[in-house]
């Protein structure tokens, strides 16, 4: 059976609270936005897409190999931004600061180990960010730059000591995420 999967970092309640505060501050100032539900807020490492359920252990083993030289990371919430850019926003995100180089290195190691299983390597640098909302239509959008710069963001420090292999099930109420396996950072 095929299941939709991704690799992520689970975020502490304090970070999810900050995201909720940002969403509340933005309120209705951005048209056509769908906020990420609090229980689904995470830090993505790699989206795998549909995979065979019986291949989950192989994926977990690849991730274990990828992180065996990775240390626990200290990250913190940063500034707000939008993809692809603030003038034509589709995704609003909360940036992450701190041990970013270590995160990028770990992410690249995951890409390389998963490539051995046939997963495509994403050559773009994985800049850590937390998706907070998706904009359905960019028509009639005010400059999001002006809106985002006025939002107060509480800086929250958090430790990353594990990666989660997650299942994503889509239903009419949105996505439901389930942790399939956890992989601890060794160092």
C-alpha atoms as a PDB file:
ATOM      1  CA  UNK A   1       0.000   0.000   0.000  1.00  0.00           C
ATOM      2  CA  UNK A   2       1.237   3.519  -0.833  1.00  0.00           C
ATOM      3  CA  UNK A   3       1.387   6.170   1.873  1.00  0.00           C
ATOM      4  CA  UNK A   4       2.266   9.858   1.605  1.00  0.00           C
ATOM      5  CA  UNK A   5       5.333  10.612   3.718  1.00  0.00           C
ATOM      6  CA  UNK A   6       7.820  13.272   4.707  1.00  0.00           C
ATOM      7  CA  UNK A   7      10.692  13.756   7.145  1.00  0.00           C
ATOM      8  CA  UNK A   8      10.271  16.532   9.693  1.00  0.00           C
ATOM      9  CA  UNK A   9      11.308  18.000  12.999  1.00  0.00           C
ATOM     10  CA  UNK A  10       8.563  18.103  15.591  1.00  0.00           C
ATOM     11  CA  UNK A  11       8.309  21.523  17.191  1.00  0.00           C
ATOM     12  CA  UNK A  12       7.716  22.250  20.867  1.00  0.00           C
ATOM     13  CA  UNK A  13       4.443  23.706  22.093  1.00  0.00           C
ATOM     14  CA  UNK A  14       6.100  27.114  22.672  1.00  0.00           C
ATOM     15  CA  UNK A  15       6.988  27.437  18.962  1.00  0.00           C
ATOM     16  CA  UNK A  16       3.488  26.380  17.920  1.00  0.00           C
ATOM     17  CA  UNK A  17       2.103  29.015  20.295  1.00  0.00           C
ATOM     18  CA  UNK A  18       4.248  31.698  18.612  1.00  0.00           C
ATOM     19  CA  UNK A  19       3.012  30.583  15.183  1.00  0.00           C
ATOM     20  CA  UNK A  20      -0.579  30.804  16.421  1.00  0.00           C
ATOM     21  CA  UNK A  21       0.093  34.338  17.719  1.00  0.00           C
ATOM     22  CA  UNK A  22       1.504  35.346  14.319  1.00  0.00           C
ATOM     23  CA  UNK A  23      -1.513  33.865  12.552  1.00  0.00           C
ATOM     24  CA  UNK A  24      -3.799  35.790  14.925  1.00  0.00           C
ATOM     25  CA  UNK A  25      -1.859  39.045  14.377  1.00  0.00           C
ATOM     26  CA  UNK A  26      -2.087  38.662  10.603  1.00  0.00           C
ATOM     27  CA  UNK A  27      -5.789  37.878  10.911  1.00  0.00           C
ATOM     28  CA  UNK A  28      -7.652  38.996   7.810  1.00  0.00           C
ATOM     29  CA  UNK A  29      -4.902  41.288   6.467  1.00  0.00           C
ATOM     30  CA  UNK A  30      -3.954  38.755   3.770  1.00  0.00           C
ATOM     31  CA  UNK A  31      -6.788  37.613   1.515  1.00  0.00           C
ATOM     32  CA  UNK A  32      -7.344  33.978   0.572  1.00  0.00           C
ATOM     33  CA  UNK A  33      -4.968  32.456   3.104  1.00  0.00           C
ATOM     34  CA  UNK A  34      -5.371  29.002   4.606  1.00  0.00           C
ATOM     35  CA  UNK A  35      -3.550  28.754   7.915  1.00  0.00           C
ATOM     36  CA  UNK A  36      -1.638  25.620   8.880  1.00  0.00           C
ATOM     37  CA  UNK A  37      -3.425  23.976  11.814  1.00  0.00           C
ATOM     38  CA  UNK A  38      -1.497  24.125  15.070  1.00  0.00           C
ATOM     39  CA  UNK A  39      -1.200  20.333  15.324  1.00  0.00           C
ATOM     40  CA  UNK A  40       0.384  20.225  11.827  1.00  0.00           C
ATOM     41  CA  UNK A  41       3.067  22.864  12.385  1.00  0.00           C
ATOM     42  CA  UNK A  42       6.514  21.322  11.845  1.00  0.00           C
ATOM     43  CA  UNK A  43       9.939  21.969  10.330  1.00  0.00           C
ATOM     44  CA  UNK A  44      10.274  20.032   7.065  1.00  0.00           C
ATOM     45  CA  UNK A  45      13.460  18.209   6.164  1.00  0.00           C
ATOM     46  CA  UNK A  46      12.347  16.277   3.047  1.00  0.00           C
ATOM     47  CA  UNK A  47       9.044  15.523   1.341  1.00  0.00           C
ATOM     48  CA  UNK A  48       9.073  11.962  -0.010  1.00  0.00           C
ATOM     49  CA  UNK A  49       5.606  11.747  -1.540  1.00  0.00           C
ATOM     50  CA  UNK A  50       3.884   8.399  -2.005  1.00  0.00           C
ATOM     51  CA  UNK A  51       6.009   5.466  -0.860  1.00  0.00           C
ATOM     52  CA  UNK A  52       5.361   1.774  -0.356  1.00  0.00           C
ATOM     53  CA  UNK A  53       4.419   1.148   3.260  1.00  0.00           C
ATOM     54  CA  UNK A  54       6.772  -1.841   3.390  1.00  0.00           C
ATOM     55  CA  UNK A  55       9.684   0.502   2.530  1.00  0.00           C
ATOM     56  CA  UNK A  56       9.325   2.635   5.668  1.00  0.00           C
ATOM     57  CA  UNK A  57      12.027   0.734   7.587  1.00  0.00           C
ATOM     58  CA  UNK A  58      14.483   1.224   4.698  1.00  0.00           C
ATOM     59  CA  UNK A  59      13.752   4.955   4.729  1.00  0.00           C
ATOM     60  CA  UNK A  60      14.246   5.088   8.513  1.00  0.00           C
ATOM     61  CA  UNK A  61      17.572   3.234   8.150  1.00  0.00           C
ATOM     62  CA  UNK A  62      18.696   5.717   5.471  1.00  0.00           C
ATOM     63  CA  UNK A  63      17.811   8.617   7.771  1.00  0.00           C
ATOM     64  CA  UNK A  64      19.715   6.940  10.648  1.00  0.00           C
ATOM     65  CA  UNK A  65      22.794   6.707   8.421  1.00  0.00           C
ATOM     66  CA  UNK A  66      22.362  10.328   7.367  1.00  0.00           C
ATOM     67  CA  UNK A  67      22.261  11.695  10.919  1.00  0.00           C
ATOM     68  CA  UNK A  68      24.874   9.481  12.590  1.00  0.00           C
ATOM     69  CA  UNK A  69      27.358  12.389  12.544  1.00  0.00           C
ATOM     70  CA  UNK A  70      24.748  15.019  13.442  1.00  0.00           C
ATOM     71  CA  UNK A  71      24.650  16.664  16.839  1.00  0.00           C
ATOM     72  CA  UNK A  72      21.688  18.000  18.730  1.00  0.00           C
ATOM     73  CA  UNK A  73      20.924  21.412  17.197  1.00  0.00           C
ATOM     74  CA  UNK A  74      19.861  24.638  18.855  1.00  0.00           C
ATOM     75  CA  UNK A  75      17.478  26.602  16.670  1.00  0.00           C
ATOM     76  CA  UNK A  76      15.237  29.598  17.287  1.00  0.00           C
ATOM     77  CA  UNK A  77      12.353  31.312  15.604  1.00  0.00           C
ATOM     78  CA  UNK A  78      13.390  34.110  13.257  1.00  0.00           C
ATOM     79  CA  UNK A  79      11.743  36.487  10.795  1.00  0.00           C
ATOM     80  CA  UNK A  80       8.714  36.133   8.517  1.00  0.00           C
ATOM     81  CA  UNK A  81       8.912  35.672   4.759  1.00  0.00           C
ATOM     82  CA  UNK A  82       7.067  34.340   1.737  1.00  0.00           C
ATOM     83  CA  UNK A  83       7.745  31.970  -1.161  1.00  0.00           C
ATOM     84  CA  UNK A  84       8.409  32.497  -3.976  1.00  0.00           C
ATOM     85  CA  UNK A  85       8.689  36.150  -2.823  1.00  0.00           C
ATOM     86  CA  UNK A  86       6.766  38.834  -0.951  1.00  0.00           C
ATOM     87  CA  UNK A  87       5.377  40.399  -4.148  1.00  0.00           C
ATOM     88  CA  UNK A  88       3.770  37.151  -5.339  1.00  0.00           C
ATOM     89  CA  UNK A  89       3.362  35.168  -2.126  1.00  0.00           C
ATOM     90  CA  UNK A  90       2.057  31.608  -2.160  1.00  0.00           C
ATOM     91  CA  UNK A  91       3.480  30.337   1.125  1.00  0.00           C
ATOM     92  CA  UNK A  92       4.030  32.354   4.309  1.00  0.00           C
ATOM     93  CA  UNK A  93       6.780  31.072   6.563  1.00  0.00           C
ATOM     94  CA  UNK A  94       8.558  31.700   9.834  1.00  0.00           C
ATOM     95  CA  UNK A  95      12.324  31.527   9.433  1.00  0.00           C
ATOM     96  CA  UNK A  96      14.619  29.594  11.715  1.00  0.00           C
ATOM     97  CA  UNK A  97      18.003  30.772  13.010  1.00  0.00           C
ATOM     98  CA  UNK A  98      20.765  29.264  15.114  1.00  0.00           C
ATOM     99  CA  UNK A  99      22.557  26.059  14.047  1.00  0.00           C
ATOM    100  CA  UNK A 100      21.365  26.527  10.458  1.00  0.00           C
ATOM    101  CA  UNK A 101      24.586  25.220   8.877  1.00  0.00           C
ATOM    102  CA  UNK A 102      24.216  21.992  10.832  1.00  0.00           C
ATOM    103  CA  UNK A 103      20.582  21.720   9.706  1.00  0.00           C
ATOM    104  CA  UNK A 104      21.565  22.236   6.051  1.00  0.00           C
ATOM    105  CA  UNK A 105      24.365  19.660   6.338  1.00  0.00           C
ATOM    106  CA  UNK A 106      22.021  17.109   7.941  1.00  0.00           C
ATOM    107  CA  UNK A 107      19.410  17.797   5.268  1.00  0.00           C
ATOM    108  CA  UNK A 108      21.973  17.223   2.484  1.00  0.00           C
ATOM    109  CA  UNK A 109      23.071  13.977   4.142  1.00  0.00           C
ATOM    110  CA  UNK A 110      19.427  12.834   4.166  1.00  0.00           C
ATOM    111  CA  UNK A 111      19.150  13.677   0.451  1.00  0.00           C
ATOM    112  CA  UNK A 112      22.263  11.608  -0.342  1.00  0.00           C
ATOM    113  CA  UNK A 113      21.222   8.589   1.729  1.00  0.00           C
ATOM    114  CA  UNK A 114      17.690   8.619   0.307  1.00  0.00           C
ATOM    115  CA  UNK A 115      19.101   8.882  -3.225  1.00  0.00           C
ATOM    116  CA  UNK A 116      20.601   5.418  -2.643  1.00  0.00           C
ATOM    117  CA  UNK A 117      16.998   4.199  -2.333  1.00  0.00           C
ATOM    118  CA  UNK A 118      16.035   5.910  -5.585  1.00  0.00           C
ATOM    119  CA  UNK A 119      14.660   9.198  -4.266  1.00  0.00           C
ATOM    120  CA  UNK A 120      15.385  12.255  -6.370  1.00  0.00           C
ATOM    121  CA  UNK A 121      17.930  14.693  -4.965  1.00  0.00           C
ATOM    122  CA  UNK A 122      16.626  18.217  -4.546  1.00  0.00           C
ATOM    123  CA  UNK A 123      19.597  20.426  -5.431  1.00  0.00           C
ATOM    124  CA  UNK A 124      18.106  23.498  -3.779  1.00  0.00           C
ATOM    125  CA  UNK A 125      19.550  24.346  -0.401  1.00  0.00           C
ATOM    126  CA  UNK A 126      17.026  23.451   2.302  1.00  0.00           C
ATOM    127  CA  UNK A 127      16.717  26.695   4.235  1.00  0.00           C
ATOM    128  CA  UNK A 128      14.897  25.854   7.452  1.00  0.00           C
ATOM    129  CA  UNK A 129      11.478  27.442   7.720  1.00  0.00           C
ATOM    130  CA  UNK A 130       8.108  26.730   9.277  1.00  0.00           C
ATOM    131  CA  UNK A 131       5.178  27.037   6.885  1.00  0.00           C
ATOM    132  CA  UNK A 132       2.427  28.997   8.640  1.00  0.00           C
ATOM    133  CA  UNK A 133      -0.043  29.533   5.800  1.00  0.00           C
ATOM    134  CA  UNK A 134      -0.760  29.015   2.100  1.00  0.00           C
ATOM    135  CA  UNK A 135      -2.253  31.716  -0.103  1.00  0.00           C
ATOM    136  CA  UNK A 136      -4.760  30.422  -2.632  1.00  0.00           C
ATOM    137  CA  UNK A 137      -4.830  33.500  -4.857  1.00  0.00           C
ATOM    138  CA  UNK A 138      -2.313  36.322  -5.234  1.00  0.00           C
ATOM    139  CA  UNK A 139      -4.833  38.592  -6.958  1.00  0.00           C
ATOM    140  CA  UNK A 140      -5.601  41.801  -5.095  1.00  0.00           C
ATOM    141  CA  UNK A 141      -2.806  41.169  -2.591  1.00  0.00           C
ATOM    142  CA  UNK A 142      -1.329  44.186  -0.866  1.00  0.00           C
ATOM    143  CA  UNK A 143       2.431  44.103  -0.550  1.00  0.00           C
ATOM    144  CA  UNK A 144       2.962  41.304   1.927  1.00  0.00           C
ATOM    145  CA  UNK A 145       6.350  42.831   2.837  1.00  0.00           C
ATOM    146  CA  UNK A 146       4.605  45.768   4.523  1.00  0.00           C
ATOM    147  CA  UNK A 147       2.240  43.479   6.387  1.00  0.00           C
ATOM    148  CA  UNK A 148       4.913  41.025   7.581  1.00  0.00           C
ATOM    149  CA  UNK A 149       7.368  43.654   8.823  1.00  0.00           C
ATOM    150  CA  UNK A 150       4.800  44.983  11.307  1.00  0.00           C
ATOM    151  CA  UNK A 151       4.295  41.610  13.008  1.00  0.00           C
ATOM    152  CA  UNK A 152       5.964  41.099  16.396  1.00  0.00           C
ATOM    153  CA  UNK A 153       7.729  37.739  16.664  1.00  0.00           C
ATOM    154  CA  UNK A 154       8.779  36.258  19.968  1.00  0.00           C
ATOM    155  CA  UNK A 155      12.149  34.533  19.625  1.00  0.00           C
ATOM    156  CA  UNK A 156      11.901  30.994  21.011  1.00  0.00           C
ATOM    157  CA  UNK A 157      14.985  28.797  21.374  1.00  0.00           C
ATOM    158  CA  UNK A 158      14.424  25.068  20.857  1.00  0.00           C
ATOM    159  CA  UNK A 159      16.531  21.907  20.684  1.00  0.00           C
ATOM    160  CA  UNK A 160      16.379  19.446  17.819  1.00  0.00           C
ATOM    161  CA  UNK A 161      17.353  15.947  18.941  1.00  0.00           C
ATOM    162  CA  UNK A 162      15.341  13.770  16.540  1.00  0.00           C
ATOM    163  CA  UNK A 163      13.822  13.552  13.088  1.00  0.00           C
ATOM    164  CA  UNK A 164      10.366  12.110  12.513  1.00  0.00           C
ATOM    165  CA  UNK A 165       9.257  10.018   9.566  1.00  0.00           C
ATOM    166  CA  UNK A 166       5.688  11.218   9.126  1.00  0.00           C
ATOM    167  CA  UNK A 167       2.604   9.992   7.310  1.00  0.00           C
ATOM    168  CA  UNK A 168       0.295  12.569   5.750  1.00  0.00           C
ATOM    169  CA  UNK A 169      -3.303  11.554   5.130  1.00  0.00           C
ATOM    170  CA  UNK A 170      -5.460  14.009   3.229  1.00  0.00           C
ATOM    171  CA  UNK A 171      -9.155  14.274   4.009  1.00  0.00           C
ATOM    172  CA  UNK A 172     -11.821  16.922   3.473  1.00  0.00           C
ATOM    173  CA  UNK A 173     -10.763  18.719   6.671  1.00  0.00           C
ATOM    174  CA  UNK A 174      -7.117  18.939   5.589  1.00  0.00           C
ATOM    175  CA  UNK A 175      -4.047  16.859   6.315  1.00  0.00           C
ATOM    176  CA  UNK A 176      -3.645  14.571   9.324  1.00  0.00           C
ATOM    177  CA  UNK A 177      -0.041  13.790  10.281  1.00  0.00           C
ATOM    178  CA  UNK A 178       1.029  10.620  12.092  1.00  0.00           C
ATOM    179  CA  UNK A 179       4.515   9.824  13.358  1.00  0.00           C
ATOM    180  CA  UNK A 180       5.698   6.522  11.843  1.00  0.00           C
ATOM    181  CA  UNK A 181       9.217   6.426  13.292  1.00  0.00           C
ATOM    182  CA  UNK A 182      11.625   8.663  15.192  1.00  0.00           C
ATOM    183  CA  UNK A 183      15.346   8.850  14.518  1.00  0.00           C
ATOM    184  CA  UNK A 184      17.517  10.321  17.289  1.00  0.00           C
ATOM    185  CA  UNK A 185      20.516  12.502  16.494  1.00  0.00           C
ATOM    186  CA  UNK A 186      23.500  10.520  17.757  1.00  0.00           C
ATOM    187  CA  UNK A 187      26.006  13.084  18.969  1.00  0.00           C
END
